[in-house]
Amino acid sequence: MILAKFKNIHRDLRSLSEKLYEGLLRFSDCVKLNEFNKKFQEDFCNKDLARNEDAEDANVANQSKAANVA
């Protein structure tokens, strides 16, 4: 389930990246688009995003174990 969600997110991000690149090719002088691209690349490469997902998955697993014990 987690792997399927990851693949969906990855596909969506790749699509967004392709559209952004296409927009930059058409409007290379657009300041806002260049700023958005820079921010997107920083966020896309941010490793904390993956760490946060792992932590959330661990919390869900711990909660379900606690519910089974109770």
PDB file of N, CA and C in Angstrom:
ATOM      1  N   MET A   1       0.824  -1.191   0.000  1.00  0.00           N
ATOM      2  CA  MET A   1       0.000   0.000   0.000  1.00  0.00           C
ATOM      3  C   MET A   1       0.872   1.261   0.000  1.00  0.00           C
ATOM      4  N   ILE A   2       1.889   1.261   0.851  1.00  0.00           N
ATOM      5  CA  ILE A   2       2.774   2.424   0.921  1.00  0.00           C
ATOM      6  C   ILE A   2       3.534   2.578  -0.389  1.00  0.00           C
ATOM      7  N   LEU A   3       3.975   1.450  -0.947  1.00  0.00           N
ATOM      8  CA  LEU A   3       4.707   1.504  -2.210  1.00  0.00           C
ATOM      9  C   LEU A   3       3.823   2.044  -3.330  1.00  0.00           C
ATOM     10  N   ALA A   4       2.561   1.655  -3.345  1.00  0.00           N
ATOM     11  CA  ALA A   4       1.635   2.156  -4.365  1.00  0.00           C
ATOM     12  C   ALA A   4       1.434   3.659  -4.229  1.00  0.00           C
ATOM     13  N   LYS A   5       1.300   4.141  -2.984  1.00  0.00           N
ATOM     14  CA  LYS A   5       1.160   5.583  -2.765  1.00  0.00           C
ATOM     15  C   LYS A   5       2.412   6.316  -3.219  1.00  0.00           C
ATOM     16  N   PHE A   6       3.570   5.745  -2.912  1.00  0.00           N
ATOM     17  CA  PHE A   6       4.832   6.349  -3.318  1.00  0.00           C
ATOM     18  C   PHE A   6       4.916   6.454  -4.835  1.00  0.00           C
ATOM     19  N   LYS A   7       4.532   5.391  -5.525  1.00  0.00           N
ATOM     20  CA  LYS A   7       4.579   5.402  -6.990  1.00  0.00           C
ATOM     21  C   LYS A   7       3.626   6.446  -7.562  1.00  0.00           C
ATOM     22  N   ASN A   8       2.443   6.589  -6.960  1.00  0.00           N
ATOM     23  CA  ASN A   8       1.490   7.603  -7.422  1.00  0.00           C
ATOM     24  C   ASN A   8       2.038   9.007  -7.219  1.00  0.00           C
ATOM     25  N   ILE A   9       2.624   9.249  -6.053  1.00  0.00           N
ATOM     26  CA  ILE A   9       3.204  10.565  -5.772  1.00  0.00           C
ATOM     27  C   ILE A   9       4.356  10.837  -6.719  1.00  0.00           C
ATOM     28  N   HIS A  10       5.192   9.832  -6.932  1.00  0.00           N
ATOM     29  CA  HIS A  10       6.338   9.992  -7.830  1.00  0.00           C
ATOM     30  C   HIS A  10       5.874  10.322  -9.243  1.00  0.00           C
ATOM     31  N   ARG A  11       4.838   9.639  -9.701  1.00  0.00           N
ATOM     32  CA  ARG A  11       4.299   9.892 -11.044  1.00  0.00           C
ATOM     33  C   ARG A  11       3.739  11.311 -11.143  1.00  0.00           C
ATOM     34  N   ASP A  12       3.027  11.745 -10.108  1.00  0.00           N
ATOM     35  CA  ASP A  12       2.464  13.096 -10.102  1.00  0.00           C
ATOM     36  C   ASP A  12       3.560  14.154 -10.093  1.00  0.00           C
ATOM     37  N   LEU A  13       4.600  13.937  -9.298  1.00  0.00           N
ATOM     38  CA  LEU A  13       5.706  14.895  -9.249  1.00  0.00           C
ATOM     39  C   LEU A  13       6.460  14.942 -10.572  1.00  0.00           C
ATOM     40  N   ARG A  14       6.631  13.790 -11.194  1.00  0.00           N
ATOM     41  CA  ARG A  14       7.304  13.760 -12.495  1.00  0.00           C
ATOM     42  C   ARG A  14       6.482  14.526 -13.530  1.00  0.00           C
ATOM     43  N   SER A  15       5.175  14.340 -13.515  1.00  0.00           N
ATOM     44  CA  SER A  15       4.293  15.052 -14.436  1.00  0.00           C
ATOM     45  C   SER A  15       4.363  16.555 -14.198  1.00  0.00           C
ATOM     46  N   LEU A  16       4.331  16.949 -12.935  1.00  0.00           N
ATOM     47  CA  LEU A  16       4.430  18.364 -12.594  1.00  0.00           C
ATOM     48  C   LEU A  16       5.765  18.941 -13.047  1.00  0.00           C
ATOM     49  N   SER A  17       6.827  18.185 -12.843  1.00  0.00           N
ATOM     50  CA  SER A  17       8.154  18.627 -13.257  1.00  0.00           C
ATOM     51  C   SER A  17       8.222  18.807 -14.776  1.00  0.00           C
ATOM     52  N   GLU A  18       7.625  17.879 -15.513  1.00  0.00           N
ATOM     53  CA  GLU A  18       7.618  17.978 -16.973  1.00  0.00           C
ATOM     54  C   GLU A  18       6.827  19.197 -17.442  1.00  0.00           C
ATOM     55  N   LYS A  19       5.683  19.440 -16.828  1.00  0.00           N
ATOM     56  CA  LYS A  19       4.869  20.607 -17.198  1.00  0.00           C
ATOM     57  C   LYS A  19       5.596  21.906 -16.871  1.00  0.00           C
ATOM     58  N   LEU A  20       6.269  21.932 -15.740  1.00  0.00           N
ATOM     59  CA  LEU A  20       7.028  23.111 -15.344  1.00  0.00           C
ATOM     60  C   LEU A  20       8.163  23.368 -16.325  1.00  0.00           C
ATOM     61  N   TYR A  21       8.855  22.314 -16.719  1.00  0.00           N
ATOM     62  CA  TYR A  21       9.941  22.444 -17.690  1.00  0.00           C
ATOM     63  C   TYR A  21       9.409  22.948 -19.030  1.00  0.00           C
ATOM     64  N   GLU A  22       8.270  22.416 -19.442  1.00  0.00           N
ATOM     65  CA  GLU A  22       7.643  22.853 -20.693  1.00  0.00           C
ATOM     66  C   GLU A  22       7.287  24.339 -20.623  1.00  0.00           C
ATOM     67  N   GLY A  23       6.749  24.762 -19.490  1.00  0.00           N
ATOM     68  CA  GLY A  23       6.415  26.174 -19.307  1.00  0.00           C
ATOM     69  C   GLY A  23       7.645  27.061 -19.352  1.00  0.00           C
ATOM     70  N   LEU A  24       8.742  26.585 -18.767  1.00  0.00           N
ATOM     71  CA  LEU A  24       9.984  27.363 -18.789  1.00  0.00           C
ATOM     72  C   LEU A  24      10.553  27.474 -20.199  1.00  0.00           C
ATOM     73  N   LEU A  25      10.361  26.443 -21.006  1.00  0.00           N
ATOM     74  CA  LEU A  25      10.813  26.521 -22.394  1.00  0.00           C
ATOM     75  C   LEU A  25      10.020  27.573 -23.171  1.00  0.00           C
ATOM     76  N   ARG A  26       8.735  27.670 -22.880  1.00  0.00           N
ATOM     77  CA  ARG A  26       7.884  28.631 -23.590  1.00  0.00           C
ATOM     78  C   ARG A  26       8.068  30.054 -23.086  1.00  0.00           C
ATOM     79  N   PHE A  27       8.211  30.197 -21.775  1.00  0.00           N
ATOM     80  CA  PHE A  27       8.274  31.523 -21.156  1.00  0.00           C
ATOM     81  C   PHE A  27       9.521  31.624 -20.280  1.00  0.00           C
ATOM     82  N   SER A  28      10.668  31.571 -20.886  1.00  0.00           N
ATOM     83  CA  SER A  28      11.922  31.540 -20.129  1.00  0.00           C
ATOM     84  C   SER A  28      12.183  32.824 -19.349  1.00  0.00           C
ATOM     85  N   ASP A  29      11.561  33.938 -19.744  1.00  0.00           N
ATOM     86  CA  ASP A  29      11.776  35.212 -19.060  1.00  0.00           C
ATOM     87  C   ASP A  29      10.817  35.442 -17.892  1.00  0.00           C
ATOM     88  N   CYS A  30       9.902  34.521 -17.651  1.00  0.00           N
ATOM     89  CA  CYS A  30       8.901  34.696 -16.598  1.00  0.00           C
ATOM     90  C   CYS A  30       9.555  34.520 -15.219  1.00  0.00           C
ATOM     91  N   VAL A  31       9.608  35.603 -14.463  1.00  0.00           N
ATOM     92  CA  VAL A  31      10.269  35.600 -13.159  1.00  0.00           C
ATOM     93  C   VAL A  31       9.539  34.683 -12.182  1.00  0.00           C
ATOM     94  N   LYS A  32       8.226  34.776 -12.132  1.00  0.00           N
ATOM     95  CA  LYS A  32       7.437  33.960 -11.198  1.00  0.00           C
ATOM     96  C   LYS A  32       7.611  32.466 -11.484  1.00  0.00           C
ATOM     97  N   LEU A  33       7.627  32.104 -12.756  1.00  0.00           N
ATOM     98  CA  LEU A  33       7.789  30.704 -13.129  1.00  0.00           C
ATOM     99  C   LEU A  33       9.176  30.200 -12.747  1.00  0.00           C
ATOM    100  N   ASN A  34      10.187  31.030 -12.931  1.00  0.00           N
ATOM    101  CA  ASN A  34      11.540  30.646 -12.533  1.00  0.00           C
ATOM    102  C   ASN A  34      11.657  30.503 -11.018  1.00  0.00           C
ATOM    103  N   GLU A  35      11.000  31.391 -10.271  1.00  0.00           N
ATOM    104  CA  GLU A  35      11.001  31.289  -8.811  1.00  0.00           C
ATOM    105  C   GLU A  35      10.293  30.010  -8.365  1.00  0.00           C
ATOM    106  N   PHE A  36       9.177  29.702  -9.006  1.00  0.00           N
ATOM    107  CA  PHE A  36       8.439  28.486  -8.676  1.00  0.00           C
ATOM    108  C   PHE A  36       9.286  27.255  -8.978  1.00  0.00           C
ATOM    109  N   ASN A  37       9.980  27.262 -10.105  1.00  0.00           N
ATOM    110  CA  ASN A  37      10.838  26.141 -10.473  1.00  0.00           C
ATOM    111  C   ASN A  37      11.943  25.942  -9.441  1.00  0.00           C
ATOM    112  N   LYS A  38      12.556  27.031  -9.020  1.00  0.00           N
ATOM    113  CA  LYS A  38      13.630  26.943  -8.025  1.00  0.00           C
ATOM    114  C   LYS A  38      13.098  26.354  -6.720  1.00  0.00           C
ATOM    115  N   LYS A  39      11.953  26.836  -6.266  1.00  0.00           N
ATOM    116  CA  LYS A  39      11.351  26.337  -5.028  1.00  0.00           C
ATOM    117  C   LYS A  39      10.949  24.866  -5.172  1.00  0.00           C
ATOM    118  N   PHE A  40      10.390  24.513  -6.313  1.00  0.00           N
ATOM    119  CA  PHE A  40       9.987  23.130  -6.559  1.00  0.00           C
ATOM    120  C   PHE A  40      11.193  22.202  -6.498  1.00  0.00           C
ATOM    121  N   GLN A  41      12.289  22.593  -7.153  1.00  0.00           N
ATOM    122  CA  GLN A  41      13.488  21.762  -7.156  1.00  0.00           C
ATOM    123  C   GLN A  41      14.052  21.603  -5.744  1.00  0.00           C
ATOM    124  N   GLU A  42      14.027  22.674  -4.953  1.00  0.00           N
ATOM    125  CA  GLU A  42      14.513  22.591  -3.570  1.00  0.00           C
ATOM    126  C   GLU A  42      13.644  21.633  -2.760  1.00  0.00           C
ATOM    127  N   ASP A  43      12.340  21.764  -2.891  1.00  0.00           N
ATOM    128  CA  ASP A  43      11.426  20.907  -2.135  1.00  0.00           C
ATOM    129  C   ASP A  43      11.468  19.463  -2.629  1.00  0.00           C
ATOM    130  N   PHE A  44      11.613  19.294  -3.922  1.00  0.00           N
ATOM    131  CA  PHE A  44      11.635  17.961  -4.523  1.00  0.00           C
ATOM    132  C   PHE A  44      12.858  17.181  -4.056  1.00  0.00           C
ATOM    133  N   CYS A  45      13.959  17.880  -3.872  1.00  0.00           N
ATOM    134  CA  CYS A  45      15.206  17.237  -3.452  1.00  0.00           C
ATOM    135  C   CYS A  45      15.345  17.170  -1.936  1.00  0.00           C
ATOM    136  N   ASN A  46      14.383  17.697  -1.217  1.00  0.00           N
ATOM    137  CA  ASN A  46      14.455  17.743   0.234  1.00  0.00           C
ATOM    138  C   ASN A  46      14.282  16.342   0.815  1.00  0.00           C
ATOM    139  N   LYS A  47      15.277  15.879   1.507  1.00  0.00           N
ATOM    140  CA  LYS A  47      15.239  14.525   2.058  1.00  0.00           C
ATOM    141  C   LYS A  47      14.340  14.427   3.282  1.00  0.00           C
ATOM    142  N   ASP A  48      14.018  15.541   3.926  1.00  0.00           N
ATOM    143  CA  ASP A  48      13.155  15.507   5.102  1.00  0.00           C
ATOM    144  C   ASP A  48      11.758  15.016   4.749  1.00  0.00           C
ATOM    145  N   LEU A  49      11.327  15.220   3.515  1.00  0.00           N
ATOM    146  CA  LEU A  49      10.012  14.759   3.083  1.00  0.00           C
ATOM    147  C   LEU A  49       9.910  13.243   3.246  1.00  0.00           C
ATOM    148  N   ALA A  50      10.938  12.523   2.805  1.00  0.00           N
ATOM    149  CA  ALA A  50      10.939  11.065   2.931  1.00  0.00           C
ATOM    150  C   ALA A  50      11.012  10.647   4.395  1.00  0.00           C
ATOM    151  N   ARG A  51      11.804  11.338   5.188  1.00  0.00           N
ATOM    152  CA  ARG A  51      11.922  11.003   6.605  1.00  0.00           C
ATOM    153  C   ARG A  51      10.588  11.201   7.317  1.00  0.00           C
ATOM    154  N   ASN A  52       9.878  12.260   6.976  1.00  0.00           N
ATOM    155  CA  ASN A  52       8.581  12.512   7.601  1.00  0.00           C
ATOM    156  C   ASN A  52       7.587  11.418   7.250  1.00  0.00           C
ATOM    157  N   GLU A  53       7.618  10.944   6.021  1.00  0.00           N
ATOM    158  CA  GLU A  53       6.721   9.867   5.608  1.00  0.00           C
ATOM    159  C   GLU A  53       7.021   8.604   6.406  1.00  0.00           C
ATOM    160  N   ASP A  54       8.308   8.283   6.602  1.00  0.00           N
ATOM    161  CA  ASP A  54       8.684   7.101   7.370  1.00  0.00           C
ATOM    162  C   ASP A  54       8.212   7.222   8.809  1.00  0.00           C
ATOM    163  N   ALA A  55       8.355   8.393   9.387  1.00  0.00           N
ATOM    164  CA  ALA A  55       7.930   8.609  10.770  1.00  0.00           C
ATOM    165  C   ALA A  55       6.421   8.456  10.896  1.00  0.00           C
ATOM    166  N   GLU A  56       5.679   8.968   9.935  1.00  0.00           N
ATOM    167  CA  GLU A  56       4.222   8.844   9.972  1.00  0.00           C
ATOM    168  C   GLU A  56       3.802   7.387   9.845  1.00  0.00           C
ATOM    169  N   ASP A  57       4.488   6.631   8.970  1.00  0.00           N
ATOM    170  CA  ASP A  57       4.173   5.215   8.812  1.00  0.00           C
ATOM    171  C   ASP A  57       4.441   4.454  10.105  1.00  0.00           C
ATOM    172  N   ALA A  58       5.534   4.794  10.793  1.00  0.00           N
ATOM    173  CA  ALA A  58       5.864   4.137  12.055  1.00  0.00           C
ATOM    174  C   ALA A  58       4.818   4.471  13.115  1.00  0.00           C
ATOM    175  N   ASN A  59       4.360   5.708  13.147  1.00  0.00           N
ATOM    176  CA  ASN A  59       3.339   6.104  14.120  1.00  0.00           C
ATOM    177  C   ASN A  59       2.036   5.352  13.892  1.00  0.00           C
ATOM    178  N   VAL A  60       1.650   5.194  12.650  1.00  0.00           N
ATOM    179  CA  VAL A  60       0.419   4.464  12.335  1.00  0.00           C
ATOM    180  C   VAL A  60       0.561   3.010  12.758  1.00  0.00           C
ATOM    181  N   ALA A  61       1.720   2.409  12.498  1.00  0.00           N
ATOM    182  CA  ALA A  61       1.952   1.016  12.880  1.00  0.00           C
ATOM    183  C   ALA A  61       1.913   0.864  14.396  1.00  0.00           C
ATOM    184  N   ASN A  62       2.526   1.799  15.114  1.00  0.00           N
ATOM    185  CA  ASN A  62       2.525   1.737  16.578  1.00  0.00           C
ATOM    186  C   ASN A  62       1.120   1.908  17.138  1.00  0.00           C
ATOM    187  N   GLN A  63       0.327   2.772  16.544  1.00  0.00           N
ATOM    188  CA  GLN A  63      -1.042   2.981  17.011  1.00  0.00           C
ATOM    189  C   GLN A  63      -1.888   1.735  16.791  1.00  0.00           C
ATOM    190  N   SER A  64      -1.695   1.071  15.658  1.00  0.00           N
ATOM    191  CA  SER A  64      -2.485  -0.131  15.389  1.00  0.00           C
ATOM    192  C   SER A  64      -2.070  -1.263  16.325  1.00  0.00           C
ATOM    193  N   LYS A  65      -0.780  -1.348  16.673  1.00  0.00           N
ATOM    194  CA  LYS A  65      -0.335  -2.358  17.633  1.00  0.00           C
ATOM    195  C   LYS A  65      -0.916  -2.071  19.010  1.00  0.00           C
ATOM    196  N   ALA A  66      -0.935  -0.805  19.390  1.00  0.00           N
ATOM    197  CA  ALA A  66      -1.489  -0.424  20.687  1.00  0.00           C
ATOM    198  C   ALA A  66      -2.985  -0.731  20.739  1.00  0.00           C
ATOM    199  N   ALA A  67      -3.678  -0.526  19.651  1.00  0.00           N
ATOM    200  CA  ALA A  67      -5.112  -0.813  19.600  1.00  0.00           C
ATOM    201  C   ALA A  67      -5.359  -2.317  19.717  1.00  0.00           C
ATOM    202  N   ASN A  68      -4.473  -3.126  19.129  1.00  0.00           N
ATOM    203  CA  ASN A  68      -4.624  -4.577  19.206  1.00  0.00           C
ATOM    204  C   ASN A  68      -4.364  -5.092  20.617  1.00  0.00           C
ATOM    205  N   VAL A  69      -3.458  -4.435  21.336  1.00  0.00           N
ATOM    206  CA  VAL A  69      -3.143  -4.843  22.702  1.00  0.00           C
ATOM    207  C   VAL A  69      -4.294  -4.514  23.632  1.00  0.00           C
ATOM    208  N   ALA A  70      -4.906  -3.366  23.424  1.00  0.00           N
ATOM    209  CA  ALA A  70      -6.009  -2.918  24.287  1.00  0.00           C
ATOM    210  C   ALA A  70      -7.223  -3.725  23.976  1.00  0.00           C
TER     211      ALA A  70
END
